[in-house]
C-alpha cells in the first residue's frame, strides 16, 4: 500500500468544511467513488477522520494536510455577502490567507490537486449582456463588487499561480445557488420558503417576481466537486442547474412541495437588482457534468428537514425575506 492510495486503494482526499451543508454531500460522493476521505472542520464528521479546528490556525492546517494526500477539496469559507461587508478582514483571513496557507502546504507535501469551491460573484454585475439575459461564462473578467466576491477571486488567482508555477492541478468550481437537504441552518431564499410553509406564513418578494436565478441541487453540486477532485483540469468551471427559474416559479415549486399556500407580499424592487442571471454550463458538461435534479423534485428533498409534525393552514402573516437577494442575487450573491 502506498501513502498516496490509502488503505482502501483509492485516492486520498481532504475535504475542508466537510461537516457543512455542501461538505457532507461531497464526502458521500467521494467515498462512493472509492476515495479515502479525511476532513477538517470545527465540527466532527461522523463518517471520516476529522481534524478539529479553524483553518485560520496554522497548526490546524499543518495537521490536516498530511503527506500522501492526492487532493484537497476546499469548501470552508465565509460565504455570506452581507457578512463579508460587515467583517471584510475576517472574511479575508479565512477565504484568502487560510487558502494560501493550504496551497503552500500542498506544494511542500506533494499534493497533486487542489479544488476551490468558488462563486459567480467573482465576475460582479454582468449587466444585460449581448444576449440581453446577463449570461455568465468563464470567459468574463474578474470584477467582484463585494468583499466576498473579491476574496474568492483572490483565491482563484492563487490557484492559477500555483498551477502555473508548480504544476498543481487546480480546478475552480464556480457554484450558483446551491439548495437541497441539510439547509436548516441556512438563510437563503429556499429555506426561507420552507420556514414560511412550516409556520403558516408568507414571504416578501421584491419586484414582480420575474427575476431569474440559477439553482443547483446539492447532489449535482457535490458530484461535480468530487469529479473535479478526481480529474478535472485547472481553471474555472461554472456548475449550475442549467436552467434559470423566476422567483415566482420558486414560490410555486415550494407550494407544490409543501402543500402550504405561502402567501406573497410584493414590495417595490430594490435598486440595482439584475432581472435575469443565466449561467453557461457548457464547459462543465464537456467534463462529464450532467445536472439531474429539476426544481420541483429538488424542493421536495428540502421540505422534510423543515416539515413540522402538524402543519397549520396559515394565518396570512409573513416571514420577511428578500426574495431577490435571498434567491441568490445573481452574480452578487451566489454561494460557494
C-alpha atoms as a PDB file:
ATOM      1  CA  UNK A   1       0.000   0.000   0.000  1.00  0.00           C
ATOM      2  CA  UNK A   2       1.377   3.397  -0.946  1.00  0.00           C
ATOM      3  CA  UNK A   3       0.798   6.529   1.101  1.00  0.00           C
ATOM      4  CA  UNK A   4      -0.928   8.091  -1.888  1.00  0.00           C
ATOM      5  CA  UNK A   5      -3.633   5.450  -2.209  1.00  0.00           C
ATOM      6  CA  UNK A   6      -4.570   4.730   1.378  1.00  0.00           C
ATOM      7  CA  UNK A   7      -5.816   1.510   2.947  1.00  0.00           C
ATOM      8  CA  UNK A   8      -8.739   1.081   0.540  1.00  0.00           C
ATOM      9  CA  UNK A   9      -6.622   1.618  -2.569  1.00  0.00           C
ATOM     10  CA  UNK A  10      -8.397   4.796  -3.668  1.00  0.00           C
ATOM     11  CA  UNK A  11      -7.102   8.364  -3.886  1.00  0.00           C
ATOM     12  CA  UNK A  12      -6.714  10.168  -0.573  1.00  0.00           C
ATOM     13  CA  UNK A  13      -8.760  13.373  -0.473  1.00  0.00           C
ATOM     14  CA  UNK A  14      -9.010  16.001   2.266  1.00  0.00           C
ATOM     15  CA  UNK A  15     -12.284  17.949   2.391  1.00  0.00           C
ATOM     16  CA  UNK A  16     -12.282  21.239   4.283  1.00  0.00           C
ATOM     17  CA  UNK A  17     -15.654  22.263   5.689  1.00  0.00           C
ATOM     18  CA  UNK A  18     -16.669  18.617   5.411  1.00  0.00           C
ATOM     19  CA  UNK A  19     -19.352  18.834   8.101  1.00  0.00           C
ATOM     20  CA  UNK A  20     -21.169  21.691   6.401  1.00  0.00           C
ATOM     21  CA  UNK A  21     -24.173  21.684   4.080  1.00  0.00           C
ATOM     22  CA  UNK A  22     -22.263  21.019   0.844  1.00  0.00           C
ATOM     23  CA  UNK A  23     -19.356  19.242   2.526  1.00  0.00           C
ATOM     24  CA  UNK A  24     -21.389  16.329   3.852  1.00  0.00           C
ATOM     25  CA  UNK A  25     -22.635  15.576   0.352  1.00  0.00           C
ATOM     26  CA  UNK A  26     -19.150  15.907  -1.176  1.00  0.00           C
ATOM     27  CA  UNK A  27     -17.747  13.422   1.344  1.00  0.00           C
ATOM     28  CA  UNK A  28     -20.510  10.983   0.415  1.00  0.00           C
ATOM     29  CA  UNK A  29     -19.836  11.348  -3.324  1.00  0.00           C
ATOM     30  CA  UNK A  30     -16.079  10.901  -2.913  1.00  0.00           C
ATOM     31  CA  UNK A  31     -16.465   7.801  -0.763  1.00  0.00           C
ATOM     32  CA  UNK A  32     -18.920   6.337  -3.276  1.00  0.00           C
ATOM     33  CA  UNK A  33     -16.258   6.870  -5.950  1.00  0.00           C
ATOM     34  CA  UNK A  34     -13.731   4.903  -3.895  1.00  0.00           C
ATOM     35  CA  UNK A  35     -11.753   7.772  -2.392  1.00  0.00           C
ATOM     36  CA  UNK A  36     -10.273   7.603   1.104  1.00  0.00           C
ATOM     37  CA  UNK A  37     -11.599  10.807   2.660  1.00  0.00           C
ATOM     38  CA  UNK A  38     -10.410  12.848   5.621  1.00  0.00           C
ATOM     39  CA  UNK A  39     -11.924  16.056   6.932  1.00  0.00           C
ATOM     40  CA  UNK A  40     -11.047  19.312   8.617  1.00  0.00           C
ATOM     41  CA  UNK A  41     -13.818  21.305  10.249  1.00  0.00           C
ATOM     42  CA  UNK A  42     -14.838  22.882  13.519  1.00  0.00           C
ATOM     43  CA  UNK A  43     -17.392  20.054  13.892  1.00  0.00           C
ATOM     44  CA  UNK A  44     -16.583  16.342  13.807  1.00  0.00           C
ATOM     45  CA  UNK A  45     -17.737  14.487  10.704  1.00  0.00           C
ATOM     46  CA  UNK A  46     -19.486  11.272  11.753  1.00  0.00           C
ATOM     47  CA  UNK A  47     -18.091   9.075   8.990  1.00  0.00           C
ATOM     48  CA  UNK A  48     -14.491  10.108   8.291  1.00  0.00           C
ATOM     49  CA  UNK A  49     -11.396  11.043  10.354  1.00  0.00           C
ATOM     50  CA  UNK A  50     -11.634  14.730  11.230  1.00  0.00           C
ATOM     51  CA  UNK A  51      -9.052  17.318  12.209  1.00  0.00           C
ATOM     52  CA  UNK A  52     -10.967  19.652  14.511  1.00  0.00           C
ATOM     53  CA  UNK A  53     -10.279  23.364  14.395  1.00  0.00           C
ATOM     54  CA  UNK A  54     -10.341  26.632  12.477  1.00  0.00           C
ATOM     55  CA  UNK A  55      -8.298  26.782   9.277  1.00  0.00           C
ATOM     56  CA  UNK A  56      -7.082  30.247  10.212  1.00  0.00           C
ATOM     57  CA  UNK A  57      -4.936  28.386  12.760  1.00  0.00           C
ATOM     58  CA  UNK A  58      -1.685  27.340  11.056  1.00  0.00           C
ATOM     59  CA  UNK A  59      -1.433  24.344  13.364  1.00  0.00           C
ATOM     60  CA  UNK A  60      -4.811  23.043  12.188  1.00  0.00           C
ATOM     61  CA  UNK A  61      -3.682  23.344   8.584  1.00  0.00           C
ATOM     62  CA  UNK A  62      -0.417  21.530   9.395  1.00  0.00           C
ATOM     63  CA  UNK A  63      -2.272  18.614  10.994  1.00  0.00           C
ATOM     64  CA  UNK A  64      -4.810  18.247   8.197  1.00  0.00           C
ATOM     65  CA  UNK A  65      -2.587  18.415   5.084  1.00  0.00           C
ATOM     66  CA  UNK A  66      -0.557  15.258   5.593  1.00  0.00           C
ATOM     67  CA  UNK A  67       1.994  13.697   3.227  1.00  0.00           C
ATOM     68  CA  UNK A  68       0.406  11.198   0.875  1.00  0.00           C
ATOM     69  CA  UNK A  69      -2.725  13.184   0.092  1.00  0.00           C
ATOM     70  CA  UNK A  70      -3.749  13.225  -3.553  1.00  0.00           C
ATOM     71  CA  UNK A  71      -6.176  16.132  -3.470  1.00  0.00           C
ATOM     72  CA  UNK A  72      -7.778  18.810  -1.315  1.00  0.00           C
ATOM     73  CA  UNK A  73     -11.359  19.991  -1.826  1.00  0.00           C
ATOM     74  CA  UNK A  74     -11.529  23.410  -0.181  1.00  0.00           C
ATOM     75  CA  UNK A  75     -15.075  24.278   0.850  1.00  0.00           C
ATOM     76  CA  UNK A  76     -14.503  26.045   4.179  1.00  0.00           C
ATOM     77  CA  UNK A  77     -15.198  29.742   3.734  1.00  0.00           C
ATOM     78  CA  UNK A  78     -17.235  32.709   4.857  1.00  0.00           C
ATOM     79  CA  UNK A  79     -19.908  32.711   2.162  1.00  0.00           C
ATOM     80  CA  UNK A  80     -22.279  35.450   3.310  1.00  0.00           C
ATOM     81  CA  UNK A  81     -22.134  38.545   1.115  1.00  0.00           C
ATOM     82  CA  UNK A  82     -23.613  40.669   3.899  1.00  0.00           C
ATOM     83  CA  UNK A  83     -21.250  39.104   6.422  1.00  0.00           C
ATOM     84  CA  UNK A  84     -18.294  39.924   4.215  1.00  0.00           C
ATOM     85  CA  UNK A  85     -19.372  43.568   4.054  1.00  0.00           C
ATOM     86  CA  UNK A  86     -19.710  43.715   7.830  1.00  0.00           C
ATOM     87  CA  UNK A  87     -16.441  41.836   8.517  1.00  0.00           C
ATOM     88  CA  UNK A  88     -14.155  42.149   5.473  1.00  0.00           C
ATOM     89  CA  UNK A  89     -10.933  41.481   7.394  1.00  0.00           C
ATOM     90  CA  UNK A  90     -12.253  38.262   8.936  1.00  0.00           C
ATOM     91  CA  UNK A  91     -13.536  37.160   5.529  1.00  0.00           C
ATOM     92  CA  UNK A  92     -10.101  37.788   4.005  1.00  0.00           C
ATOM     93  CA  UNK A  93      -8.369  35.829   6.775  1.00  0.00           C
ATOM     94  CA  UNK A  94     -10.368  32.683   6.067  1.00  0.00           C
ATOM     95  CA  UNK A  95     -11.063  32.968   2.356  1.00  0.00           C
ATOM     96  CA  UNK A  96      -7.613  34.195   1.280  1.00  0.00           C
ATOM     97  CA  UNK A  97      -4.953  33.811   3.973  1.00  0.00           C
ATOM     98  CA  UNK A  98      -6.031  30.311   5.022  1.00  0.00           C
ATOM     99  CA  UNK A  99      -6.363  29.282   1.373  1.00  0.00           C
ATOM    100  CA  UNK A 100      -2.824  30.494   0.686  1.00  0.00           C
ATOM    101  CA  UNK A 101      -1.575  28.521   3.683  1.00  0.00           C
ATOM    102  CA  UNK A 102      -3.250  25.352   2.454  1.00  0.00           C
ATOM    103  CA  UNK A 103      -1.823  25.790  -1.027  1.00  0.00           C
ATOM    104  CA  UNK A 104       1.700  26.198   0.330  1.00  0.00           C
ATOM    105  CA  UNK A 105       1.362  23.029   2.402  1.00  0.00           C
ATOM    106  CA  UNK A 106       0.143  21.205  -0.697  1.00  0.00           C
ATOM    107  CA  UNK A 107       3.233  22.373  -2.570  1.00  0.00           C
ATOM    108  CA  UNK A 108       5.578  21.359   0.249  1.00  0.00           C
ATOM    109  CA  UNK A 109       3.964  17.960   0.771  1.00  0.00           C
ATOM    110  CA  UNK A 110       3.429  16.920  -2.818  1.00  0.00           C
ATOM    111  CA  UNK A 111      -0.369  17.085  -3.007  1.00  0.00           C
ATOM    112  CA  UNK A 112      -1.255  16.885  -6.674  1.00  0.00           C
ATOM    113  CA  UNK A 113      -4.625  18.642  -6.856  1.00  0.00           C
ATOM    114  CA  UNK A 114      -6.490  21.455  -5.109  1.00  0.00           C
ATOM    115  CA  UNK A 115     -10.172  22.157  -5.827  1.00  0.00           C
ATOM    116  CA  UNK A 116     -11.598  25.527  -4.800  1.00  0.00           C
ATOM    117  CA  UNK A 117     -15.336  25.994  -4.344  1.00  0.00           C
ATOM    118  CA  UNK A 118     -15.922  29.453  -5.762  1.00  0.00           C
ATOM    119  CA  UNK A 119     -18.794  31.635  -6.937  1.00  0.00           C
ATOM    120  CA  UNK A 120     -20.041  33.653  -9.868  1.00  0.00           C
ATOM    121  CA  UNK A 121     -19.770  36.692  -7.585  1.00  0.00           C
ATOM    122  CA  UNK A 122     -16.178  36.928  -8.854  1.00  0.00           C
ATOM    123  CA  UNK A 123     -17.439  38.487 -12.096  1.00  0.00           C
ATOM    124  CA  UNK A 124     -19.654  41.108 -10.446  1.00  0.00           C
ATOM    125  CA  UNK A 125     -22.640  42.574 -12.249  1.00  0.00           C
ATOM    126  CA  UNK A 126     -22.599  41.327 -15.831  1.00  0.00           C
ATOM    127  CA  UNK A 127     -25.490  43.581 -16.817  1.00  0.00           C
ATOM    128  CA  UNK A 128     -27.818  42.620 -19.613  1.00  0.00           C
ATOM    129  CA  UNK A 129     -25.014  41.287 -21.779  1.00  0.00           C
ATOM    130  CA  UNK A 130     -25.036  40.931 -25.546  1.00  0.00           C
ATOM    131  CA  UNK A 131     -27.845  38.381 -25.361  1.00  0.00           C
ATOM    132  CA  UNK A 132     -29.990  40.574 -23.107  1.00  0.00           C
ATOM    133  CA  UNK A 133     -30.013  37.953 -20.361  1.00  0.00           C
ATOM    134  CA  UNK A 134     -26.811  38.534 -18.422  1.00  0.00           C
ATOM    135  CA  UNK A 135     -25.304  35.161 -19.295  1.00  0.00           C
ATOM    136  CA  UNK A 136     -22.279  34.324 -17.156  1.00  0.00           C
ATOM    137  CA  UNK A 137     -19.400  32.385 -18.697  1.00  0.00           C
ATOM    138  CA  UNK A 138     -15.890  31.502 -17.588  1.00  0.00           C
ATOM    139  CA  UNK A 139     -14.521  33.995 -20.134  1.00  0.00           C
ATOM    140  CA  UNK A 140     -15.797  37.054 -18.260  1.00  0.00           C
ATOM    141  CA  UNK A 141     -13.148  39.115 -16.443  1.00  0.00           C
ATOM    142  CA  UNK A 142     -12.947  39.090 -12.662  1.00  0.00           C
ATOM    143  CA  UNK A 143     -14.737  42.219 -11.391  1.00  0.00           C
ATOM    144  CA  UNK A 144     -16.092  41.440  -7.917  1.00  0.00           C
ATOM    145  CA  UNK A 145     -18.283  44.020  -6.213  1.00  0.00           C
ATOM    146  CA  UNK A 146     -18.198  42.727  -2.625  1.00  0.00           C
ATOM    147  CA  UNK A 147     -15.515  41.572  -0.189  1.00  0.00           C
ATOM    148  CA  UNK A 148     -16.896  38.039  -0.530  1.00  0.00           C
ATOM    149  CA  UNK A 149     -16.528  38.073  -4.318  1.00  0.00           C
ATOM    150  CA  UNK A 150     -13.118  39.711  -4.021  1.00  0.00           C
ATOM    151  CA  UNK A 151     -11.803  37.061  -1.626  1.00  0.00           C
ATOM    152  CA  UNK A 152     -12.984  34.277  -3.893  1.00  0.00           C
ATOM    153  CA  UNK A 153     -11.396  35.991  -6.894  1.00  0.00           C
ATOM    154  CA  UNK A 154      -8.165  36.238  -4.912  1.00  0.00           C
ATOM    155  CA  UNK A 155      -8.381  32.534  -4.144  1.00  0.00           C
ATOM    156  CA  UNK A 156      -8.837  31.771  -7.833  1.00  0.00           C
ATOM    157  CA  UNK A 157      -5.730  33.818  -8.658  1.00  0.00           C
ATOM    158  CA  UNK A 158      -3.714  31.963  -6.019  1.00  0.00           C
ATOM    159  CA  UNK A 159      -4.714  28.655  -7.576  1.00  0.00           C
ATOM    160  CA  UNK A 160      -3.790  29.930 -11.026  1.00  0.00           C
ATOM    161  CA  UNK A 161      -0.356  30.940  -9.753  1.00  0.00           C
ATOM    162  CA  UNK A 162       0.318  27.595  -8.093  1.00  0.00           C
ATOM    163  CA  UNK A 163      -0.901  25.731 -11.174  1.00  0.00           C
ATOM    164  CA  UNK A 164       1.385  27.735 -13.429  1.00  0.00           C
ATOM    165  CA  UNK A 165       4.486  27.766 -11.211  1.00  0.00           C
ATOM    166  CA  UNK A 166       4.318  24.343  -9.570  1.00  0.00           C
ATOM    167  CA  UNK A 167       2.153  22.166 -11.810  1.00  0.00           C
ATOM    168  CA  UNK A 168      -0.639  21.822  -9.258  1.00  0.00           C
ATOM    169  CA  UNK A 169      -3.888  20.641 -10.832  1.00  0.00           C
ATOM    170  CA  UNK A 170      -6.232  23.373  -9.658  1.00  0.00           C
ATOM    171  CA  UNK A 171      -9.883  23.237 -10.770  1.00  0.00           C
ATOM    172  CA  UNK A 172     -12.125  26.087  -9.619  1.00  0.00           C
ATOM    173  CA  UNK A 173     -15.804  25.160  -9.307  1.00  0.00           C
ATOM    174  CA  UNK A 174     -17.995  28.255  -9.508  1.00  0.00           C
ATOM    175  CA  UNK A 175     -21.290  27.251  -7.941  1.00  0.00           C
ATOM    176  CA  UNK A 176     -24.594  29.012  -8.437  1.00  0.00           C
ATOM    177  CA  UNK A 177     -27.265  28.916  -5.697  1.00  0.00           C
ATOM    178  CA  UNK A 178     -26.961  25.524  -4.010  1.00  0.00           C
ATOM    179  CA  UNK A 179     -30.050  24.049  -2.357  1.00  0.00           C
ATOM    180  CA  UNK A 180     -31.165  20.655  -1.121  1.00  0.00           C
ATOM    181  CA  UNK A 181     -31.442  18.560   2.039  1.00  0.00           C
ATOM    182  CA  UNK A 182     -29.486  19.788   5.042  1.00  0.00           C
ATOM    183  CA  UNK A 183     -30.330  23.512   4.819  1.00  0.00           C
ATOM    184  CA  UNK A 184     -31.858  24.081   8.257  1.00  0.00           C
ATOM    185  CA  UNK A 185     -29.016  26.385   9.296  1.00  0.00           C
ATOM    186  CA  UNK A 186     -29.141  28.406   6.068  1.00  0.00           C
ATOM    187  CA  UNK A 187     -30.958  31.688   5.441  1.00  0.00           C
ATOM    188  CA  UNK A 188     -31.162  31.834   1.663  1.00  0.00           C
ATOM    189  CA  UNK A 189     -34.499  32.050  -0.135  1.00  0.00           C
ATOM    190  CA  UNK A 190     -35.255  28.309  -0.370  1.00  0.00           C
ATOM    191  CA  UNK A 191     -35.024  27.650   3.391  1.00  0.00           C
ATOM    192  CA  UNK A 192     -36.987  30.864   3.987  1.00  0.00           C
ATOM    193  CA  UNK A 193     -39.747  29.413   1.833  1.00  0.00           C
ATOM    194  CA  UNK A 194     -39.628  26.179   3.814  1.00  0.00           C
ATOM    195  CA  UNK A 195     -39.816  28.006   7.167  1.00  0.00           C
ATOM    196  CA  UNK A 196     -42.724  30.082   5.892  1.00  0.00           C
ATOM    197  CA  UNK A 197     -44.578  26.899   4.895  1.00  0.00           C
ATOM    198  CA  UNK A 198     -43.832  25.218   8.232  1.00  0.00           C
ATOM    199  CA  UNK A 199     -45.029  28.249  10.211  1.00  0.00           C
ATOM    200  CA  UNK A 200     -48.078  29.004   8.076  1.00  0.00           C
ATOM    201  CA  UNK A 201     -46.647  32.338   6.995  1.00  0.00           C
ATOM    202  CA  UNK A 202     -45.717  34.124   3.787  1.00  0.00           C
ATOM    203  CA  UNK A 203     -42.701  35.728   2.159  1.00  0.00           C
ATOM    204  CA  UNK A 204     -41.821  39.132   0.789  1.00  0.00           C
ATOM    205  CA  UNK A 205     -40.857  39.297  -2.883  1.00  0.00           C
ATOM    206  CA  UNK A 206     -39.209  42.474  -4.114  1.00  0.00           C
ATOM    207  CA  UNK A 207     -40.466  43.459  -7.544  1.00  0.00           C
ATOM    208  CA  UNK A 208     -42.788  41.387  -9.696  1.00  0.00           C
ATOM    209  CA  UNK A 209     -41.041  38.075  -9.012  1.00  0.00           C
ATOM    210  CA  UNK A 210     -39.967  37.607 -12.618  1.00  0.00           C
ATOM    211  CA  UNK A 211     -36.258  37.881 -11.750  1.00  0.00           C
ATOM    212  CA  UNK A 212     -34.492  34.754 -12.963  1.00  0.00           C
ATOM    213  CA  UNK A 213     -31.890  32.825 -10.979  1.00  0.00           C
ATOM    214  CA  UNK A 214     -29.991  29.590 -11.484  1.00  0.00           C
ATOM    215  CA  UNK A 215     -30.281  26.983  -8.732  1.00  0.00           C
ATOM    216  CA  UNK A 216     -28.218  23.807  -8.495  1.00  0.00           C
ATOM    217  CA  UNK A 217     -29.216  20.903  -6.292  1.00  0.00           C
ATOM    218  CA  UNK A 218     -26.614  19.921  -3.724  1.00  0.00           C
ATOM    219  CA  UNK A 219     -26.444  16.371  -5.106  1.00  0.00           C
ATOM    220  CA  UNK A 220     -25.420  17.736  -8.507  1.00  0.00           C
ATOM    221  CA  UNK A 221     -23.008  20.271  -6.974  1.00  0.00           C
ATOM    222  CA  UNK A 222     -21.370  17.619  -4.793  1.00  0.00           C
ATOM    223  CA  UNK A 223     -20.991  15.254  -7.715  1.00  0.00           C
ATOM    224  CA  UNK A 224     -19.257  17.994  -9.705  1.00  0.00           C
ATOM    225  CA  UNK A 225     -16.873  18.795  -6.855  1.00  0.00           C
ATOM    226  CA  UNK A 226     -15.996  15.115  -6.490  1.00  0.00           C
ATOM    227  CA  UNK A 227     -15.408  14.835 -10.237  1.00  0.00           C
ATOM    228  CA  UNK A 228     -13.190  17.908 -10.075  1.00  0.00           C
ATOM    229  CA  UNK A 229     -11.093  16.360  -7.302  1.00  0.00           C
ATOM    230  CA  UNK A 230     -10.659  13.141  -9.208  1.00  0.00           C
ATOM    231  CA  UNK A 231      -9.709  14.539 -12.585  1.00  0.00           C
ATOM    232  CA  UNK A 232     -10.902  17.910 -13.847  1.00  0.00           C
ATOM    233  CA  UNK A 233      -8.174  20.167 -15.275  1.00  0.00           C
ATOM    234  CA  UNK A 234      -7.079  23.509 -13.850  1.00  0.00           C
ATOM    235  CA  UNK A 235      -9.187  26.597 -14.366  1.00  0.00           C
ATOM    236  CA  UNK A 236     -12.719  27.825 -13.643  1.00  0.00           C
ATOM    237  CA  UNK A 237     -15.803  25.737 -14.357  1.00  0.00           C
ATOM    238  CA  UNK A 238     -19.330  27.041 -13.803  1.00  0.00           C
ATOM    239  CA  UNK A 239     -21.610  24.488 -12.164  1.00  0.00           C
ATOM    240  CA  UNK A 240     -25.300  25.319 -12.095  1.00  0.00           C
ATOM    241  CA  UNK A 241     -28.658  23.747 -12.703  1.00  0.00           C
ATOM    242  CA  UNK A 242     -28.503  24.565 -16.438  1.00  0.00           C
ATOM    243  CA  UNK A 243     -31.853  26.338 -16.248  1.00  0.00           C
ATOM    244  CA  UNK A 244     -32.897  29.586 -14.614  1.00  0.00           C
ATOM    245  CA  UNK A 245     -36.157  29.960 -12.712  1.00  0.00           C
ATOM    246  CA  UNK A 246     -38.156  33.027 -11.797  1.00  0.00           C
ATOM    247  CA  UNK A 247     -38.727  33.829  -8.136  1.00  0.00           C
ATOM    248  CA  UNK A 248     -42.422  33.199  -8.790  1.00  0.00           C
ATOM    249  CA  UNK A 249     -41.597  29.728 -10.102  1.00  0.00           C
ATOM    250  CA  UNK A 250     -39.551  29.057  -6.971  1.00  0.00           C
ATOM    251  CA  UNK A 251     -42.508  30.025  -4.796  1.00  0.00           C
ATOM    252  CA  UNK A 252     -44.839  27.810  -6.859  1.00  0.00           C
ATOM    253  CA  UNK A 253     -42.438  24.849  -6.540  1.00  0.00           C
ATOM    254  CA  UNK A 254     -42.274  25.360  -2.769  1.00  0.00           C
ATOM    255  CA  UNK A 255     -46.067  25.426  -2.564  1.00  0.00           C
ATOM    256  CA  UNK A 256     -46.225  22.173  -4.521  1.00  0.00           C
ATOM    257  CA  UNK A 257     -43.583  20.504  -2.339  1.00  0.00           C
ATOM    258  CA  UNK A 258     -45.078  21.613   0.975  1.00  0.00           C
ATOM    259  CA  UNK A 259     -48.796  21.795   0.307  1.00  0.00           C
ATOM    260  CA  UNK A 260     -48.781  25.193   2.027  1.00  0.00           C
ATOM    261  CA  UNK A 261     -50.213  28.376   0.454  1.00  0.00           C
ATOM    262  CA  UNK A 262     -47.129  30.568   1.198  1.00  0.00           C
ATOM    263  CA  UNK A 263     -48.706  33.983   0.558  1.00  0.00           C
ATOM    264  CA  UNK A 264     -46.507  36.512  -1.259  1.00  0.00           C
ATOM    265  CA  UNK A 265     -46.247  40.180  -0.327  1.00  0.00           C
ATOM    266  CA  UNK A 266     -44.818  42.083  -3.304  1.00  0.00           C
ATOM    267  CA  UNK A 267     -42.703  45.083  -2.336  1.00  0.00           C
ATOM    268  CA  UNK A 268     -41.001  47.645  -4.614  1.00  0.00           C
ATOM    269  CA  UNK A 269     -37.996  46.294  -6.476  1.00  0.00           C
ATOM    270  CA  UNK A 270     -34.651  47.107  -4.953  1.00  0.00           C
ATOM    271  CA  UNK A 271     -32.233  49.303  -6.939  1.00  0.00           C
ATOM    272  CA  UNK A 272     -29.543  47.548  -8.943  1.00  0.00           C
ATOM    273  CA  UNK A 273     -31.150  44.113  -8.998  1.00  0.00           C
ATOM    274  CA  UNK A 274     -30.299  42.067 -12.075  1.00  0.00           C
ATOM    275  CA  UNK A 275     -33.521  40.992 -13.825  1.00  0.00           C
ATOM    276  CA  UNK A 276     -32.023  37.767 -15.137  1.00  0.00           C
ATOM    277  CA  UNK A 277     -28.958  35.748 -14.316  1.00  0.00           C
ATOM    278  CA  UNK A 278     -28.234  32.847 -16.614  1.00  0.00           C
ATOM    279  CA  UNK A 279     -25.101  30.710 -16.481  1.00  0.00           C
ATOM    280  CA  UNK A 280     -23.475  28.736 -19.255  1.00  0.00           C
ATOM    281  CA  UNK A 281     -22.504  25.243 -18.039  1.00  0.00           C
ATOM    282  CA  UNK A 282     -21.066  24.111 -21.375  1.00  0.00           C
ATOM    283  CA  UNK A 283     -17.560  23.637 -20.008  1.00  0.00           C
ATOM    284  CA  UNK A 284     -18.834  21.568 -17.096  1.00  0.00           C
ATOM    285  CA  UNK A 285     -20.849  19.407 -19.482  1.00  0.00           C
ATOM    286  CA  UNK A 286     -17.740  18.826 -21.596  1.00  0.00           C
ATOM    287  CA  UNK A 287     -16.085  17.416 -18.456  1.00  0.00           C
ATOM    288  CA  UNK A 288     -18.920  14.995 -17.754  1.00  0.00           C
ATOM    289  CA  UNK A 289     -21.160  17.113 -15.548  1.00  0.00           C
ATOM    290  CA  UNK A 290     -24.864  16.446 -16.033  1.00  0.00           C
ATOM    291  CA  UNK A 291     -27.329  18.165 -13.676  1.00  0.00           C
ATOM    292  CA  UNK A 292     -30.156  15.780 -12.972  1.00  0.00           C
ATOM    293  CA  UNK A 293     -32.464  17.421 -10.421  1.00  0.00           C
ATOM    294  CA  UNK A 294     -35.338  19.634 -11.571  1.00  0.00           C
ATOM    295  CA  UNK A 295     -36.652  22.356  -9.278  1.00  0.00           C
ATOM    296  CA  UNK A 296     -39.888  20.623  -8.212  1.00  0.00           C
ATOM    297  CA  UNK A 297     -38.041  17.424  -7.385  1.00  0.00           C
ATOM    298  CA  UNK A 298     -35.317  19.350  -5.585  1.00  0.00           C
ATOM    299  CA  UNK A 299     -37.745  21.355  -3.447  1.00  0.00           C
ATOM    300  CA  UNK A 300     -39.326  18.101  -2.319  1.00  0.00           C
ATOM    301  CA  UNK A 301     -35.952  16.979  -0.940  1.00  0.00           C
ATOM    302  CA  UNK A 302     -35.631  20.139   1.182  1.00  0.00           C
ATOM    303  CA  UNK A 303     -39.050  20.035   2.841  1.00  0.00           C
ATOM    304  CA  UNK A 304     -38.547  17.004   5.172  1.00  0.00           C
ATOM    305  CA  UNK A 305     -35.926  18.944   7.167  1.00  0.00           C
ATOM    306  CA  UNK A 306     -38.471  21.681   7.913  1.00  0.00           C
ATOM    307  CA  UNK A 307     -41.817  19.862   7.952  1.00  0.00           C
ATOM    308  CA  UNK A 308     -43.444  20.039  11.406  1.00  0.00           C
ATOM    309  CA  UNK A 309     -45.448  17.215  12.943  1.00  0.00           C
ATOM    310  CA  UNK A 310     -48.632  19.117  12.052  1.00  0.00           C
ATOM    311  CA  UNK A 311     -48.837  21.944   9.540  1.00  0.00           C
ATOM    312  CA  UNK A 312     -51.099  24.924  10.275  1.00  0.00           C
ATOM    313  CA  UNK A 313     -53.207  26.210   7.447  1.00  0.00           C
ATOM    314  CA  UNK A 314     -51.502  29.614   7.508  1.00  0.00           C
ATOM    315  CA  UNK A 315     -52.656  32.857   9.047  1.00  0.00           C
ATOM    316  CA  UNK A 316     -51.630  35.208   6.289  1.00  0.00           C
ATOM    317  CA  UNK A 317     -48.766  36.676   8.272  1.00  0.00           C
ATOM    318  CA  UNK A 318     -45.387  36.796   6.678  1.00  0.00           C
ATOM    319  CA  UNK A 319     -41.763  35.934   7.135  1.00  0.00           C
ATOM    320  CA  UNK A 320     -39.852  38.957   5.879  1.00  0.00           C
ATOM    321  CA  UNK A 321     -37.204  37.938   3.394  1.00  0.00           C
ATOM    322  CA  UNK A 322     -35.791  39.471   0.265  1.00  0.00           C
ATOM    323  CA  UNK A 323     -36.692  37.069  -2.472  1.00  0.00           C
ATOM    324  CA  UNK A 324     -34.495  38.745  -4.999  1.00  0.00           C
ATOM    325  CA  UNK A 325     -31.440  38.874  -2.772  1.00  0.00           C
ATOM    326  CA  UNK A 326     -32.375  35.752  -0.852  1.00  0.00           C
ATOM    327  CA  UNK A 327     -32.682  33.825  -4.068  1.00  0.00           C
ATOM    328  CA  UNK A 328     -29.033  34.449  -4.627  1.00  0.00           C
ATOM    329  CA  UNK A 329     -28.871  37.936  -6.058  1.00  0.00           C
ATOM    330  CA  UNK A 330     -27.267  36.610  -9.209  1.00  0.00           C
ATOM    331  CA  UNK A 331     -23.600  37.350  -9.608  1.00  0.00           C
ATOM    332  CA  UNK A 332     -23.535  39.295  -6.345  1.00  0.00           C
ATOM    333  CA  UNK A 333     -24.838  36.571  -4.102  1.00  0.00           C
ATOM    334  CA  UNK A 334     -24.146  33.089  -5.399  1.00  0.00           C
ATOM    335  CA  UNK A 335     -22.795  30.934  -2.613  1.00  0.00           C
ATOM    336  CA  UNK A 336     -19.753  28.712  -2.602  1.00  0.00           C
END
